[in-house]
Amino acid sequence: MKVNSVLKKNILIQEDDFRLASTWESEFIKLGHVVTIVQNATEAKFAISKCKFHLIIVDLLYKHEGRFTPDGGLITIGHLRAKWNDKSQQWYKHVPVIAVSTESPDWANVVSPLKMAENFGANLIFNKPFSAAELVKVARPFLEQN
């Protein structure tokens, strides 16, 4: 029997595709973690104000009613990495963030959202599509260090 060496952690998933987020959630729950799913940065900021997360996974682009809106993962990363005066909220600056998105050939002449996320302070950028097992694999080191 394999024993899970990672203690139960709180994970926040910001993803507007609920089926995809649920797939990721189920893989983390199998490992004993607690997962909160939100759709956008507004919901993520609220969740972060209520719970200390050990890992945050953000989809960078948020689509609402078929249109991209400025409430995606870049906003969440900016919120987390901003300078905080409240000493009780210092963990924000250090919580690991995995940024996920789909790269497009149309972005050849502009900075991609993944590159922007890296510049904003994401710990890891991960290009979609990928399996839930692959996400768990890249998330494991962050979960083990916290």
N, C-alpha and C. Protein backbone atom coordinates (compact mmCIF):
# COMPACT_ATOMS: atom_id res chain seq x y z
N MET A 1 0.83 -1.17 0.00
CA MET A 1 0.00 0.00 0.00
C MET A 1 0.89 1.25 0.00
N LYS A 2 0.58 2.18 -0.88
CA LYS A 2 1.35 3.42 -0.97
C LYS A 2 0.74 4.45 -0.03
N VAL A 3 1.56 5.04 0.82
CA VAL A 3 1.09 6.05 1.76
C VAL A 3 1.33 7.43 1.16
N ASN A 4 0.32 8.27 1.23
CA ASN A 4 0.42 9.64 0.71
C ASN A 4 1.31 10.45 1.64
N SER A 5 2.45 10.91 1.11
CA SER A 5 3.41 11.66 1.93
C SER A 5 3.04 13.14 2.05
N VAL A 6 2.03 13.57 1.30
CA VAL A 6 1.61 14.97 1.34
C VAL A 6 0.39 15.07 2.25
N LEU A 7 0.49 15.87 3.29
CA LEU A 7 -0.64 16.07 4.18
C LEU A 7 -1.75 16.82 3.46
N LYS A 8 -2.95 16.72 3.98
CA LYS A 8 -4.11 17.39 3.38
C LYS A 8 -3.85 18.88 3.23
N LYS A 9 -4.06 19.39 2.03
CA LYS A 9 -3.83 20.81 1.73
C LYS A 9 -5.09 21.42 1.13
N ASN A 10 -5.21 22.74 1.26
CA ASN A 10 -6.30 23.49 0.65
C ASN A 10 -5.84 23.98 -0.71
N ILE A 11 -6.60 23.67 -1.73
CA ILE A 11 -6.27 24.04 -3.10
C ILE A 11 -7.42 24.85 -3.68
N LEU A 12 -7.09 25.97 -4.31
CA LEU A 12 -8.07 26.78 -5.01
C LEU A 12 -7.87 26.60 -6.50
N ILE A 13 -8.94 26.28 -7.21
CA ILE A 13 -8.90 26.15 -8.67
C ILE A 13 -9.81 27.23 -9.25
N GLN A 14 -9.22 28.11 -10.05
CA GLN A 14 -9.98 29.14 -10.77
C GLN A 14 -10.04 28.71 -12.23
N GLU A 15 -11.20 28.25 -12.65
CA GLU A 15 -11.37 27.73 -14.01
C GLU A 15 -12.83 27.92 -14.42
N ASP A 16 -13.05 28.54 -15.58
CA ASP A 16 -14.42 28.81 -16.01
C ASP A 16 -15.11 27.59 -16.64
N ASP A 17 -14.37 26.56 -16.99
CA ASP A 17 -14.94 25.32 -17.52
C ASP A 17 -15.16 24.38 -16.33
N PHE A 18 -16.40 24.32 -15.85
CA PHE A 18 -16.68 23.58 -14.62
C PHE A 18 -16.38 22.10 -14.75
N ARG A 19 -16.65 21.51 -15.91
CA ARG A 19 -16.35 20.08 -16.09
C ARG A 19 -14.86 19.82 -15.97
N LEU A 20 -14.05 20.68 -16.56
CA LEU A 20 -12.60 20.53 -16.48
C LEU A 20 -12.13 20.71 -15.04
N ALA A 21 -12.63 21.74 -14.38
CA ALA A 21 -12.26 21.99 -12.98
C ALA A 21 -12.66 20.81 -12.09
N SER A 22 -13.80 20.22 -12.35
CA SER A 22 -14.27 19.08 -11.56
C SER A 22 -13.37 17.87 -11.77
N THR A 23 -12.86 17.69 -12.98
CA THR A 23 -11.93 16.60 -13.26
C THR A 23 -10.65 16.78 -12.45
N TRP A 24 -10.12 18.00 -12.45
CA TRP A 24 -8.92 18.29 -11.67
C TRP A 24 -9.21 18.08 -10.19
N GLU A 25 -10.35 18.59 -9.75
CA GLU A 25 -10.74 18.48 -8.34
C GLU A 25 -10.75 17.03 -7.89
N SER A 26 -11.34 16.15 -8.68
CA SER A 26 -11.46 14.75 -8.26
C SER A 26 -10.09 14.10 -8.06
N GLU A 27 -9.11 14.48 -8.88
CA GLU A 27 -7.75 13.92 -8.73
C GLU A 27 -7.10 14.39 -7.43
N PHE A 28 -7.30 15.65 -7.08
CA PHE A 28 -6.73 16.16 -5.83
C PHE A 28 -7.46 15.59 -4.61
N ILE A 29 -8.76 15.41 -4.72
CA ILE A 29 -9.54 14.83 -3.61
C ILE A 29 -9.10 13.40 -3.35
N LYS A 30 -8.80 12.65 -4.41
CA LYS A 30 -8.32 11.27 -4.24
C LYS A 30 -7.06 11.22 -3.38
N LEU A 31 -6.28 12.31 -3.42
CA LEU A 31 -5.05 12.38 -2.63
C LEU A 31 -5.29 12.95 -1.23
N GLY A 32 -6.55 13.25 -0.94
CA GLY A 32 -6.90 13.72 0.40
C GLY A 32 -6.93 15.22 0.58
N HIS A 33 -6.84 15.97 -0.50
CA HIS A 33 -6.83 17.42 -0.40
C HIS A 33 -8.25 17.99 -0.41
N VAL A 34 -8.38 19.22 0.03
CA VAL A 34 -9.64 19.94 0.02
C VAL A 34 -9.55 20.95 -1.12
N VAL A 35 -10.55 20.94 -2.00
CA VAL A 35 -10.51 21.78 -3.20
C VAL A 35 -11.71 22.73 -3.23
N THR A 36 -11.43 23.98 -3.55
CA THR A 36 -12.46 24.98 -3.79
C THR A 36 -12.37 25.39 -5.25
N ILE A 37 -13.50 25.41 -5.94
CA ILE A 37 -13.53 25.81 -7.35
C ILE A 37 -14.26 27.15 -7.46
N VAL A 38 -13.64 28.07 -8.20
CA VAL A 38 -14.26 29.35 -8.54
C VAL A 38 -14.11 29.57 -10.03
N GLN A 39 -14.92 30.47 -10.59
CA GLN A 39 -14.88 30.71 -12.03
C GLN A 39 -14.00 31.88 -12.44
N ASN A 40 -13.85 32.87 -11.58
CA ASN A 40 -13.16 34.09 -12.01
C ASN A 40 -12.40 34.73 -10.85
N ALA A 41 -11.72 35.83 -11.16
CA ALA A 41 -10.88 36.50 -10.16
C ALA A 41 -11.72 37.10 -9.03
N THR A 42 -12.89 37.59 -9.34
CA THR A 42 -13.76 38.15 -8.30
C THR A 42 -14.08 37.08 -7.26
N GLU A 43 -14.47 35.89 -7.72
CA GLU A 43 -14.77 34.79 -6.81
C GLU A 43 -13.50 34.30 -6.10
N ALA A 44 -12.38 34.31 -6.80
CA ALA A 44 -11.11 33.87 -6.20
C ALA A 44 -10.72 34.79 -5.06
N LYS A 45 -10.83 36.10 -5.26
CA LYS A 45 -10.48 37.05 -4.20
C LYS A 45 -11.33 36.83 -2.96
N PHE A 46 -12.62 36.55 -3.16
CA PHE A 46 -13.50 36.28 -2.02
C PHE A 46 -13.06 35.01 -1.30
N ALA A 47 -12.79 33.94 -2.06
CA ALA A 47 -12.36 32.67 -1.45
C ALA A 47 -11.06 32.85 -0.68
N ILE A 48 -10.13 33.60 -1.24
CA ILE A 48 -8.83 33.84 -0.62
C ILE A 48 -9.00 34.63 0.68
N SER A 49 -10.00 35.48 0.73
CA SER A 49 -10.24 36.26 1.96
C SER A 49 -10.82 35.38 3.08
N LYS A 50 -11.35 34.22 2.73
CA LYS A 50 -11.99 33.35 3.71
C LYS A 50 -11.15 32.14 4.11
N CYS A 51 -10.14 31.80 3.31
CA CYS A 51 -9.39 30.56 3.55
C CYS A 51 -7.94 30.73 3.13
N LYS A 52 -7.04 30.12 3.88
CA LYS A 52 -5.63 30.11 3.49
C LYS A 52 -5.39 28.89 2.61
N PHE A 53 -4.99 29.13 1.36
CA PHE A 53 -4.74 28.05 0.41
C PHE A 53 -3.25 27.74 0.35
N HIS A 54 -2.95 26.48 0.11
CA HIS A 54 -1.56 26.02 -0.03
C HIS A 54 -1.11 26.02 -1.48
N LEU A 55 -2.08 26.04 -2.40
CA LEU A 55 -1.80 26.07 -3.84
C LEU A 55 -2.99 26.70 -4.53
N ILE A 56 -2.69 27.54 -5.52
CA ILE A 56 -3.74 28.17 -6.32
C ILE A 56 -3.44 27.89 -7.79
N ILE A 57 -4.44 27.36 -8.48
CA ILE A 57 -4.34 27.06 -9.91
C ILE A 57 -5.30 28.00 -10.62
N VAL A 58 -4.79 28.81 -11.54
CA VAL A 58 -5.64 29.79 -12.21
C VAL A 58 -5.61 29.62 -13.72
N ASP A 59 -6.79 29.63 -14.31
CA ASP A 59 -6.91 29.74 -15.76
C ASP A 59 -6.81 31.23 -16.06
N LEU A 60 -5.98 31.58 -17.00
CA LEU A 60 -5.69 33.00 -17.23
C LEU A 60 -6.79 33.75 -17.95
N LEU A 61 -7.52 33.06 -18.82
CA LEU A 61 -8.55 33.73 -19.60
C LEU A 61 -9.93 33.31 -19.12
N TYR A 62 -10.77 34.27 -18.82
CA TYR A 62 -12.11 34.00 -18.33
C TYR A 62 -13.13 34.36 -19.39
N LYS A 63 -13.91 33.37 -19.76
CA LYS A 63 -14.95 33.58 -20.77
C LYS A 63 -16.31 33.54 -20.09
N HIS A 64 -17.08 34.60 -20.30
CA HIS A 64 -18.42 34.71 -19.74
C HIS A 64 -19.39 34.99 -20.89
N GLU A 65 -20.39 34.13 -21.01
CA GLU A 65 -21.38 34.27 -22.08
C GLU A 65 -20.72 34.39 -23.45
N GLY A 66 -19.70 33.55 -23.67
CA GLY A 66 -19.05 33.48 -24.97
C GLY A 66 -18.01 34.55 -25.27
N ARG A 67 -17.75 35.43 -24.32
CA ARG A 67 -16.79 36.52 -24.54
C ARG A 67 -15.75 36.52 -23.43
N PHE A 68 -14.51 36.82 -23.82
CA PHE A 68 -13.46 36.96 -22.81
C PHE A 68 -13.68 38.26 -22.04
N THR A 69 -13.51 38.18 -20.73
CA THR A 69 -13.67 39.35 -19.88
C THR A 69 -12.41 39.52 -19.04
N PRO A 70 -12.17 40.71 -18.52
CA PRO A 70 -10.95 40.96 -17.74
C PRO A 70 -11.08 40.53 -16.28
N ASP A 71 -11.50 39.29 -16.05
CA ASP A 71 -11.66 38.81 -14.68
C ASP A 71 -11.00 37.44 -14.54
N GLY A 72 -9.89 37.27 -15.25
CA GLY A 72 -9.20 35.98 -15.27
C GLY A 72 -8.06 35.89 -14.29
N GLY A 73 -7.23 34.90 -14.51
CA GLY A 73 -6.15 34.57 -13.60
C GLY A 73 -5.08 35.62 -13.43
N LEU A 74 -4.87 36.45 -14.44
CA LEU A 74 -3.86 37.51 -14.28
C LEU A 74 -4.26 38.47 -13.16
N ILE A 75 -5.55 38.73 -13.05
CA ILE A 75 -6.04 39.59 -11.97
C ILE A 75 -5.77 38.93 -10.62
N THR A 76 -6.03 37.63 -10.55
CA THR A 76 -5.82 36.90 -9.30
C THR A 76 -4.34 36.90 -8.91
N ILE A 77 -3.47 36.64 -9.87
CA ILE A 77 -2.04 36.64 -9.58
C ILE A 77 -1.60 38.03 -9.11
N GLY A 78 -2.05 39.06 -9.79
CA GLY A 78 -1.72 40.43 -9.38
C GLY A 78 -2.19 40.72 -7.96
N HIS A 79 -3.39 40.26 -7.64
CA HIS A 79 -3.94 40.43 -6.29
C HIS A 79 -3.06 39.74 -5.25
N LEU A 80 -2.64 38.53 -5.56
CA LEU A 80 -1.81 37.76 -4.63
C LEU A 80 -0.42 38.36 -4.44
N ARG A 81 0.15 38.84 -5.52
CA ARG A 81 1.55 39.29 -5.47
C ARG A 81 1.70 40.76 -5.11
N ALA A 82 0.59 41.46 -4.94
CA ALA A 82 0.67 42.88 -4.55
C ALA A 82 1.29 42.98 -3.16
N LYS A 83 1.80 44.13 -2.84
CA LYS A 83 2.39 44.34 -1.51
C LYS A 83 1.26 44.52 -0.51
N TRP A 84 1.30 43.73 0.54
CA TRP A 84 0.26 43.77 1.55
C TRP A 84 0.79 44.43 2.82
N ASN A 85 0.02 45.34 3.37
CA ASN A 85 0.39 45.98 4.63
C ASN A 85 -0.05 45.16 5.82
N ASP A 86 -1.09 44.37 5.65
CA ASP A 86 -1.62 43.56 6.74
C ASP A 86 -0.71 42.35 6.97
N LYS A 87 -0.04 42.31 8.12
CA LYS A 87 0.91 41.23 8.42
C LYS A 87 0.24 39.85 8.40
N SER A 88 -1.05 39.79 8.73
CA SER A 88 -1.74 38.50 8.74
C SER A 88 -1.98 37.95 7.34
N GLN A 89 -1.78 38.79 6.34
CA GLN A 89 -2.03 38.36 4.96
C GLN A 89 -0.75 38.17 4.15
N GLN A 90 0.39 38.11 4.81
CA GLN A 90 1.67 37.99 4.11
C GLN A 90 1.78 36.69 3.31
N TRP A 91 1.04 35.66 3.69
CA TRP A 91 1.10 34.38 2.97
C TRP A 91 0.70 34.55 1.51
N TYR A 92 -0.12 35.58 1.21
CA TYR A 92 -0.55 35.83 -0.17
C TYR A 92 0.64 35.89 -1.14
N LYS A 93 1.67 36.59 -0.68
CA LYS A 93 2.82 36.82 -1.57
C LYS A 93 3.59 35.55 -1.87
N HIS A 94 3.43 34.53 -1.03
CA HIS A 94 4.26 33.34 -1.15
C HIS A 94 3.52 32.07 -1.56
N VAL A 95 2.20 32.11 -1.63
CA VAL A 95 1.46 30.91 -1.99
C VAL A 95 1.81 30.54 -3.45
N PRO A 96 2.09 29.25 -3.70
CA PRO A 96 2.42 28.85 -5.07
C PRO A 96 1.22 29.00 -6.00
N VAL A 97 1.49 29.50 -7.20
CA VAL A 97 0.46 29.68 -8.21
C VAL A 97 0.88 28.96 -9.49
N ILE A 98 -0.02 28.11 -9.97
CA ILE A 98 0.17 27.48 -11.28
C ILE A 98 -0.81 28.15 -12.23
N ALA A 99 -0.29 28.77 -13.28
CA ALA A 99 -1.12 29.44 -14.27
C ALA A 99 -1.28 28.53 -15.48
N VAL A 100 -2.53 28.36 -15.92
CA VAL A 100 -2.81 27.50 -17.07
C VAL A 100 -3.56 28.30 -18.13
N SER A 101 -3.29 27.97 -19.38
CA SER A 101 -3.99 28.61 -20.49
C SER A 101 -3.67 27.85 -21.76
N THR A 102 -4.37 28.20 -22.80
CA THR A 102 -4.11 27.64 -24.12
C THR A 102 -3.34 28.67 -24.92
N GLU A 103 -2.19 28.28 -25.42
CA GLU A 103 -1.42 29.17 -26.29
C GLU A 103 -2.05 29.16 -27.68
N SER A 104 -1.97 30.26 -28.36
CA SER A 104 -2.54 30.37 -29.69
C SER A 104 -1.49 30.87 -30.67
N PRO A 105 -1.45 30.31 -31.87
CA PRO A 105 -0.52 30.83 -32.88
C PRO A 105 -0.79 32.30 -33.20
N ASP A 106 -2.01 32.76 -32.92
CA ASP A 106 -2.36 34.16 -33.18
C ASP A 106 -1.59 35.12 -32.28
N TRP A 107 -0.99 34.59 -31.21
CA TRP A 107 -0.26 35.42 -30.27
C TRP A 107 1.21 35.51 -30.59
N ALA A 108 1.60 35.15 -31.79
CA ALA A 108 3.02 35.13 -32.17
C ALA A 108 3.66 36.51 -32.03
N ASN A 109 2.91 37.58 -32.25
CA ASN A 109 3.48 38.93 -32.22
C ASN A 109 3.14 39.70 -30.95
N VAL A 110 2.56 39.02 -29.96
CA VAL A 110 2.23 39.68 -28.70
C VAL A 110 2.72 38.80 -27.55
N VAL A 111 2.77 39.37 -26.37
CA VAL A 111 3.15 38.59 -25.19
C VAL A 111 1.97 37.67 -24.84
N SER A 112 2.25 36.39 -24.72
CA SER A 112 1.19 35.44 -24.43
C SER A 112 0.72 35.58 -22.98
N PRO A 113 -0.51 35.18 -22.70
CA PRO A 113 -0.98 35.22 -21.32
C PRO A 113 -0.09 34.41 -20.37
N LEU A 114 0.44 33.28 -20.84
CA LEU A 114 1.31 32.49 -19.97
C LEU A 114 2.59 33.24 -19.62
N LYS A 115 3.15 33.92 -20.58
CA LYS A 115 4.36 34.71 -20.31
C LYS A 115 4.05 35.87 -19.36
N MET A 116 2.88 36.49 -19.56
CA MET A 116 2.47 37.57 -18.65
C MET A 116 2.31 37.02 -17.24
N ALA A 117 1.71 35.84 -17.10
CA ALA A 117 1.52 35.23 -15.78
C ALA A 117 2.86 34.99 -15.10
N GLU A 118 3.82 34.55 -15.87
CA GLU A 118 5.16 34.33 -15.33
C GLU A 118 5.74 35.66 -14.83
N ASN A 119 5.56 36.71 -15.62
CA ASN A 119 6.05 38.04 -15.24
C ASN A 119 5.32 38.58 -14.01
N PHE A 120 4.05 38.22 -13.85
CA PHE A 120 3.25 38.68 -12.70
C PHE A 120 3.60 37.92 -11.42
N GLY A 121 4.28 36.78 -11.55
CA GLY A 121 4.69 36.05 -10.36
C GLY A 121 4.17 34.64 -10.23
N ALA A 122 3.62 34.06 -11.31
CA ALA A 122 3.22 32.65 -11.24
C ALA A 122 4.46 31.79 -11.04
N ASN A 123 4.34 30.76 -10.23
CA ASN A 123 5.47 29.86 -9.98
C ASN A 123 5.69 28.89 -11.12
N LEU A 124 4.62 28.57 -11.83
CA LEU A 124 4.70 27.62 -12.94
C LEU A 124 3.63 27.98 -13.96
N ILE A 125 4.00 27.91 -15.23
CA ILE A 125 3.01 28.09 -16.29
C ILE A 125 2.86 26.75 -17.00
N PHE A 126 1.62 26.45 -17.37
CA PHE A 126 1.30 25.12 -17.90
C PHE A 126 0.32 25.29 -19.04
N ASN A 127 0.73 24.84 -20.22
CA ASN A 127 -0.05 25.02 -21.44
C ASN A 127 -1.10 23.92 -21.59
N LYS A 128 -2.35 24.32 -21.78
CA LYS A 128 -3.44 23.37 -22.05
C LYS A 128 -3.30 22.86 -23.49
N PRO A 129 -3.77 21.69 -23.79
CA PRO A 129 -4.45 20.73 -22.92
C PRO A 129 -3.45 19.83 -22.20
N PHE A 130 -3.88 19.33 -21.05
CA PHE A 130 -3.10 18.37 -20.27
C PHE A 130 -4.09 17.54 -19.46
N SER A 131 -3.65 16.41 -18.99
CA SER A 131 -4.53 15.54 -18.20
C SER A 131 -4.51 15.98 -16.74
N ALA A 132 -5.52 15.54 -16.01
CA ALA A 132 -5.57 15.82 -14.58
C ALA A 132 -4.37 15.20 -13.88
N ALA A 133 -3.95 14.02 -14.34
CA ALA A 133 -2.78 13.35 -13.74
C ALA A 133 -1.52 14.19 -13.94
N GLU A 134 -1.38 14.80 -15.12
CA GLU A 134 -0.22 15.67 -15.38
C GLU A 134 -0.24 16.89 -14.46
N LEU A 135 -1.42 17.45 -14.23
CA LEU A 135 -1.53 18.60 -13.34
C LEU A 135 -1.13 18.22 -11.91
N VAL A 136 -1.61 17.08 -11.45
CA VAL A 136 -1.25 16.61 -10.11
C VAL A 136 0.26 16.41 -10.01
N LYS A 137 0.85 15.88 -11.05
CA LYS A 137 2.30 15.63 -11.05
C LYS A 137 3.09 16.93 -10.90
N VAL A 138 2.71 17.98 -11.63
CA VAL A 138 3.46 19.25 -11.52
C VAL A 138 3.11 20.00 -10.24
N ALA A 139 1.93 19.72 -9.67
CA ALA A 139 1.51 20.38 -8.44
C ALA A 139 2.16 19.76 -7.20
N ARG A 140 2.48 18.50 -7.28
CA ARG A 140 2.98 17.76 -6.11
C ARG A 140 4.15 18.45 -5.40
N PRO A 141 5.19 18.91 -6.11
CA PRO A 141 6.30 19.56 -5.39
C PRO A 141 5.87 20.79 -4.58
N PHE A 142 4.91 21.54 -5.10
CA PHE A 142 4.42 22.72 -4.37
C PHE A 142 3.65 22.29 -3.12
N LEU A 143 2.90 21.22 -3.23
CA LEU A 143 2.14 20.72 -2.09
C LEU A 143 3.04 20.12 -1.02
N GLU A 144 4.14 19.53 -1.45
CA GLU A 144 5.09 18.94 -0.49
C GLU A 144 5.87 19.99 0.26
N GLN A 145 6.11 21.15 -0.34
CA GLN A 145 6.93 22.17 0.33
C GLN A 145 6.13 23.01 1.31
N ASN A 146 4.84 23.04 1.18
CA ASN A 146 4.01 23.87 2.08
C ASN A 146 3.52 23.08 3.24
